[in-house]
Structures are given as C-alpha cells and as structure tokens.
Protein backbone atom coordinates (compact mmCIF):
# COMPACT_ATOMS: atom_id res chain seq x y z
CA MET A 1 170.40 -34.28 117.23
CA HIS A 2 167.77 -33.91 120.25
CA LEU A 3 165.97 -37.11 120.52
CA ILE A 4 162.58 -37.68 122.45
CA MET A 5 161.83 -41.06 123.58
CA HIS A 6 157.98 -41.91 124.53
CA THR A 7 156.81 -45.18 126.39
CA CYS A 8 154.02 -45.99 128.17
CA ALA A 9 155.04 -49.42 129.79
CA GLU A 10 153.60 -50.68 132.96
CA LEU A 11 156.26 -50.56 135.36
CA THR A 12 156.76 -53.27 138.79
CA ASN A 13 157.72 -52.52 141.92
CA SER A 14 161.12 -54.03 141.16
CA ASP A 15 161.66 -51.71 138.20
CA LEU A 16 161.19 -48.88 140.39
CA ALA A 17 163.89 -49.72 142.66
CA GLN A 18 166.46 -50.04 139.63
CA ILE A 19 165.39 -46.13 138.67
CA ASN A 20 167.12 -44.23 141.64
CA ILE A 21 164.46 -42.17 142.54
CA PRO A 22 164.79 -39.53 145.77
CA SER A 23 163.51 -40.89 148.54
CA THR A 24 161.65 -37.17 149.15
CA LEU A 25 159.59 -38.20 146.03
CA GLN A 26 158.61 -41.31 147.11
CA THR A 27 157.48 -39.37 150.65
CA ILE A 28 153.70 -38.13 150.42
CA MET A 29 154.29 -34.52 150.52
CA GLU A 30 151.93 -31.64 152.18
CA CYS A 31 151.94 -29.26 149.11
CA VAL A 32 149.04 -26.81 151.06
CA SER A 33 149.93 -25.75 155.04
CA LYS A 34 146.88 -26.58 157.03
CA GLU A 35 146.40 -23.17 158.32
CA ALA A 36 146.88 -21.03 155.30
CA PHE A 37 144.08 -22.93 154.15
CA TYR A 38 141.47 -22.33 156.42
CA LYS A 39 142.46 -18.96 156.89
CA GLU A 40 142.10 -18.22 153.06
CA LEU A 41 138.69 -20.33 153.53
CA GLU A 42 137.27 -17.77 156.35
CA THR A 43 138.05 -14.91 154.19
CA TYR A 44 136.62 -16.62 151.01
CA LYS A 45 133.53 -17.08 152.60
CA GLN A 46 133.54 -13.68 154.98
CA ASN A 47 133.84 -11.88 150.90
CA GLN A 48 130.66 -14.04 149.68
CA LYS A 49 127.07 -12.81 149.42
CA ARG A 50 125.57 -15.48 150.77
CA ASN A 51 127.99 -16.23 153.74
CA SER A 52 124.71 -16.48 155.97
CA SER A 53 124.22 -19.56 154.33
CA GLN A 54 125.56 -23.04 156.35
CA ILE A 55 125.48 -24.87 153.91
CA THR A 56 127.17 -22.98 150.19
CA LEU A 57 130.38 -22.70 150.65
CA PHE A 58 130.70 -25.90 152.98
CA ILE A 59 129.05 -28.09 156.11
CA GLU A 60 129.45 -26.23 159.39
CA ASP A 61 130.62 -28.74 161.64
CA GLU A 62 128.14 -27.92 164.21
CA PHE A 63 125.42 -29.13 162.15
CA TYR A 64 127.34 -31.78 160.77
CA ASP A 65 128.06 -33.43 164.62
CA SER A 66 124.11 -32.80 165.34
CA ALA A 67 123.04 -34.67 162.02
CA LYS A 68 125.55 -37.20 162.71
CA GLU A 69 124.14 -37.88 166.40
CA PHE A 70 120.51 -38.00 164.91
CA LEU A 71 121.03 -40.05 162.23
CA LYS A 72 123.25 -42.44 164.58
CA SER A 73 120.18 -42.72 166.82
CA GLN A 74 117.77 -43.15 163.80
CA ALA A 75 120.08 -46.39 162.51
CA GLU A 76 120.35 -47.78 166.27
CA ASN A 77 116.40 -47.52 166.63
CA ALA A 78 115.68 -49.19 163.12
CA VAL A 79 118.59 -51.77 163.88
CA SER A 80 116.70 -52.69 167.54
CA ASP A 81 112.84 -52.22 165.73
CA SER A 82 111.99 -49.48 168.03
CA ASN A 83 108.73 -47.75 167.35
CA THR A 84 110.28 -44.69 169.55
CA ASN A 85 109.56 -41.38 167.37
CA HIS A 86 112.54 -39.92 166.25
CA ASP A 87 113.14 -36.82 168.44
CA THR A 88 114.00 -33.70 166.38
CA THR A 89 113.78 -31.26 168.64
CA LYS A 90 117.56 -31.28 169.33
CA LEU A 91 117.68 -30.23 165.71
CA THR A 92 116.62 -26.86 164.29
CA LYS A 93 113.86 -25.95 162.07
CA TRP A 94 116.42 -25.62 158.95
CA GLN A 95 118.96 -28.21 160.01
CA ALA A 96 115.35 -30.93 160.11
CA THR A 97 114.27 -29.80 156.53
CA THR A 98 118.02 -30.07 155.22
CA LEU A 99 118.27 -33.05 156.44
CA ASN A 100 114.77 -34.39 155.41
CA ARG A 101 116.07 -33.00 151.87
CA LYS A 102 119.40 -34.60 151.56
CA LYS A 103 117.96 -37.88 152.43
CA TRP A 104 121.69 -38.79 154.63
CA SER A 105 122.18 -41.53 156.35
CA TYR A 106 124.79 -42.69 159.46
CA TYR A 107 127.15 -45.79 158.72
CA GLN A 108 130.36 -46.72 160.86
CA GLY A 109 130.72 -43.07 162.11
CA LYS A 110 130.29 -41.64 159.02
CA ILE A 111 127.40 -39.48 157.00
CA LEU A 112 126.87 -41.05 153.58
CA THR A 113 124.60 -39.28 150.46
CA THR A 114 122.23 -41.65 148.80
CA GLU A 115 124.68 -42.75 146.59
CA GLN A 116 127.08 -43.92 149.22
CA LYS A 117 129.57 -40.74 148.99
CA VAL A 118 130.64 -39.22 152.06
CA VAL A 119 129.57 -36.15 153.35
CA VAL A 120 132.80 -33.93 154.42
CA PRO A 121 132.29 -31.06 157.09
CA LYS A 122 134.54 -28.47 157.05
CA SER A 123 137.04 -29.80 159.67
CA GLN A 124 137.61 -32.65 156.97
CA LEU A 125 138.04 -30.27 154.02
CA TYR A 126 141.94 -30.22 153.90
CA ASP A 127 142.15 -33.62 154.84
CA VAL A 128 140.46 -34.70 151.79
CA LEU A 129 141.46 -32.15 149.33
CA THR A 130 145.40 -33.31 150.10
CA LEU A 131 144.16 -37.13 149.48
CA ALA A 132 142.17 -35.86 146.27
CA HIS A 133 145.22 -33.78 144.74
CA GLN A 134 148.12 -36.61 146.06
CA ARG A 135 146.03 -38.92 144.09
CA THR A 136 145.88 -36.98 140.92
CA ALA A 137 149.34 -36.15 140.47
CA HIS A 138 149.18 -32.21 142.34
CA ARG A 139 147.18 -31.57 138.62
CA GLY A 140 144.65 -29.15 137.83
CA ARG A 141 140.85 -28.14 139.18
CA GLN A 142 138.94 -30.53 136.88
CA ILE A 143 140.82 -33.39 137.45
CA THR A 144 140.94 -33.19 141.40
CA SER A 145 137.24 -31.74 141.25
CA LYS A 146 136.76 -35.28 139.44
CA TRP A 147 138.18 -37.81 141.71
CA ILE A 148 136.48 -35.77 145.18
CA ASN A 149 132.93 -36.09 143.24
CA GLU A 150 133.28 -39.70 142.91
CA ASN A 151 133.61 -40.45 146.17
CA TYR A 152 132.90 -37.52 148.39
CA SER A 153 130.37 -35.15 148.88
CA GLU A 154 129.48 -31.36 149.84
CA VAL A 155 132.85 -30.31 148.80
CA ASN A 156 132.53 -27.43 147.19
CA VAL A 157 134.01 -26.29 143.45
CA ARG A 158 134.86 -23.07 144.85
CA VAL A 159 137.12 -24.57 148.10
CA VAL A 160 138.89 -26.65 144.85
CA ASN A 161 139.90 -24.09 143.54
CA LEU A 162 141.02 -22.25 146.65
CA PHE A 163 143.00 -25.31 147.73
CA VAL A 164 144.38 -26.07 144.01
CA SER A 165 145.50 -21.90 143.77
CA LEU A 166 147.52 -22.56 147.14
CA CYS A 167 149.28 -25.85 145.81
CA GLN A 168 153.05 -25.41 145.63
CA ILE A 169 153.61 -27.83 143.54
CA HIS A 170 150.99 -27.19 140.84
CA GLN A 171 152.21 -23.31 140.89
CA GLU A 172 155.67 -24.74 139.61
CA GLN A 173 154.22 -26.92 136.75
CA LYS A 174 151.69 -23.96 135.77
CA THR A 175 154.82 -21.45 135.71
CA ILE A 176 157.23 -24.22 133.77
CA THR A 177 154.37 -25.20 131.41
CA SER A 178 153.20 -21.29 130.81
CA HIS A 179 156.57 -19.30 130.43
CA VAL A 180 157.72 -20.97 127.12
CA LYS A 181 160.99 -19.34 126.40
CA MET A 182 163.26 -19.73 122.90
CA VAL A 183 166.02 -22.08 123.11
CA THR A 184 169.10 -19.66 121.99
CA LYS A 185 171.54 -22.41 122.85
CA PRO A 186 170.71 -25.57 123.13
CA LEU A 187 172.75 -28.54 125.22
CA GLN A 188 174.92 -30.24 122.61
CA SER A 189 175.18 -33.90 123.68
CA PRO A 190 178.90 -35.30 123.47
CA GLU A 191 177.97 -39.31 123.27
CA PHE A 192 174.37 -40.63 121.78
CA LEU A 193 172.00 -40.62 124.76
CA SER A 194 174.74 -38.74 127.27
CA LEU A 195 172.16 -36.24 128.53
CA ILE A 196 168.81 -37.40 128.91
CA GLU A 197 166.00 -36.78 131.17
CA ILE A 198 163.49 -38.69 133.21
CA ASP A 199 159.93 -38.12 134.09
CA LEU A 200 158.37 -41.03 136.31
CA MET A 201 154.54 -40.55 135.86
CA ASP A 202 151.80 -41.94 138.36
CA PHE A 203 148.88 -43.22 136.47
CA GLN A 204 147.31 -45.84 139.14
CA ASN A 205 144.27 -43.33 140.54
CA THR A 206 143.94 -42.03 136.66
CA PRO A 207 144.34 -44.89 134.03
CA CYS A 208 145.07 -44.31 130.89
CA ASP A 209 142.56 -45.57 127.89
CA CYS A 210 144.96 -48.03 126.10
CA LYS A 211 143.68 -51.63 125.55
CA ASN A 212 146.11 -52.90 128.16
CA VAL A 213 145.35 -50.19 131.09
CA HIS A 214 149.10 -48.62 132.52
CA THR A 215 149.63 -47.87 135.69
CA TRP A 216 152.73 -45.92 135.41
CA ALA A 217 154.48 -43.70 132.68
CA MET A 218 158.10 -42.81 131.76
CA ASN A 219 158.99 -39.77 129.79
CA ILE A 220 162.38 -39.70 128.44
CA ASN A 221 164.13 -36.76 127.06
C-alpha cells in the first residue's frame, strides 16, 4: 500500500530542530553564478534590436549614479529650504527628460519611485534577483517577478526570465516534474510507514489562502 499524507501545519523553530535537516539546506545558496549571469545579460542585450536604449532592458549604472547625485542634491536643497535652482547641466537631455517623466526621488542612498519602490540599476540586478528567487523558493518566472514587482522597480521581466533559466535548482525541479516515467517496479514496504519521504516547504514569504495562514508546509509520501 502506498500511503500519502499531507499536512499544512504551522511549524515553529523547535519543530524544525527536531527534524534532521542537513545543514546545507539551511544555508542560503547562490543558485546562479554572478559572472555567468552578467555575461549572459550582455549577450542578450547585444542581440536586442533596441540595444541603443539605456532603459529598455536595465538601468545603466552611469545614468543611475548621475540621477542619484542630482536627486540627492535636490533633496538636500529641499531640506535646507534653499531657493537655488537645481543644476541639470550634469545630466544629458535624455537623462533630464527621463527623471522628469519617472518622478523619482532620493531617500537614504536609494532612488525610489512614486510608489516607494527601490529602483534597481544593472550592478544591483544580481543581488536583487538572487534574493527574490530565494524568497520564492526557486520557483518560476511569474512568482519571482511578482515578488520583485512588489518591492522593486525597473527590473525587466526578460531579465527575470534569463536569471530563472540559469538557476540550477529551478532546472532540477523542472526536470523532475516534466519527465514522468511509469512505475514498473514499485517499492514494497515491509512495515507500515517504514518507507516515507518528507518534503518541507517554506511559505513564509508566499503564505497560503487558508483561514489560519501557514508559514511552513510538510509533505509526507
């Protein structure tokens, strides 16, 4: 008999301590090489028809730094009630137009949108994507993009697609679930519950729709 039991009980830290989880699973893993990601990103950009656009695929660091310095100066003048006109001579016409259209602001070393989302330049893409993919348990593009869009801005969905496609953990999960083979020799259990598999899933950042929200789910096969 093949017994499948499912539970969505909330687990505490003490519960986790009683489960023998390898320490490697508790360590945050970098599922994508930083060097490989930026190499593929540059290749992808070169293949785009509109690769001359600085904002189509990602925010260039040069533009981001210039915009941040300008917005910082603007914020400091506002705090000091200065009537000095903001100097835009350090910005190109395209940069000044983009800032005026985007209506970004400066706060604690970051550029924020009108919705208070953090603007991400090219140099920070890897760290943000790595964090997002870990928080969503290395799931697909849609869930990763949803988490990013709730917290950040200017992260193109094509960049998310590229990162997810390079994720080793995601590819391993995809391979397992997309190639289902017929069971010809099922395992025979000598005793009741003598052969079981336990999967522990983290839902802390993607809670379920239950009445009592659960942060962890255990699947026992």
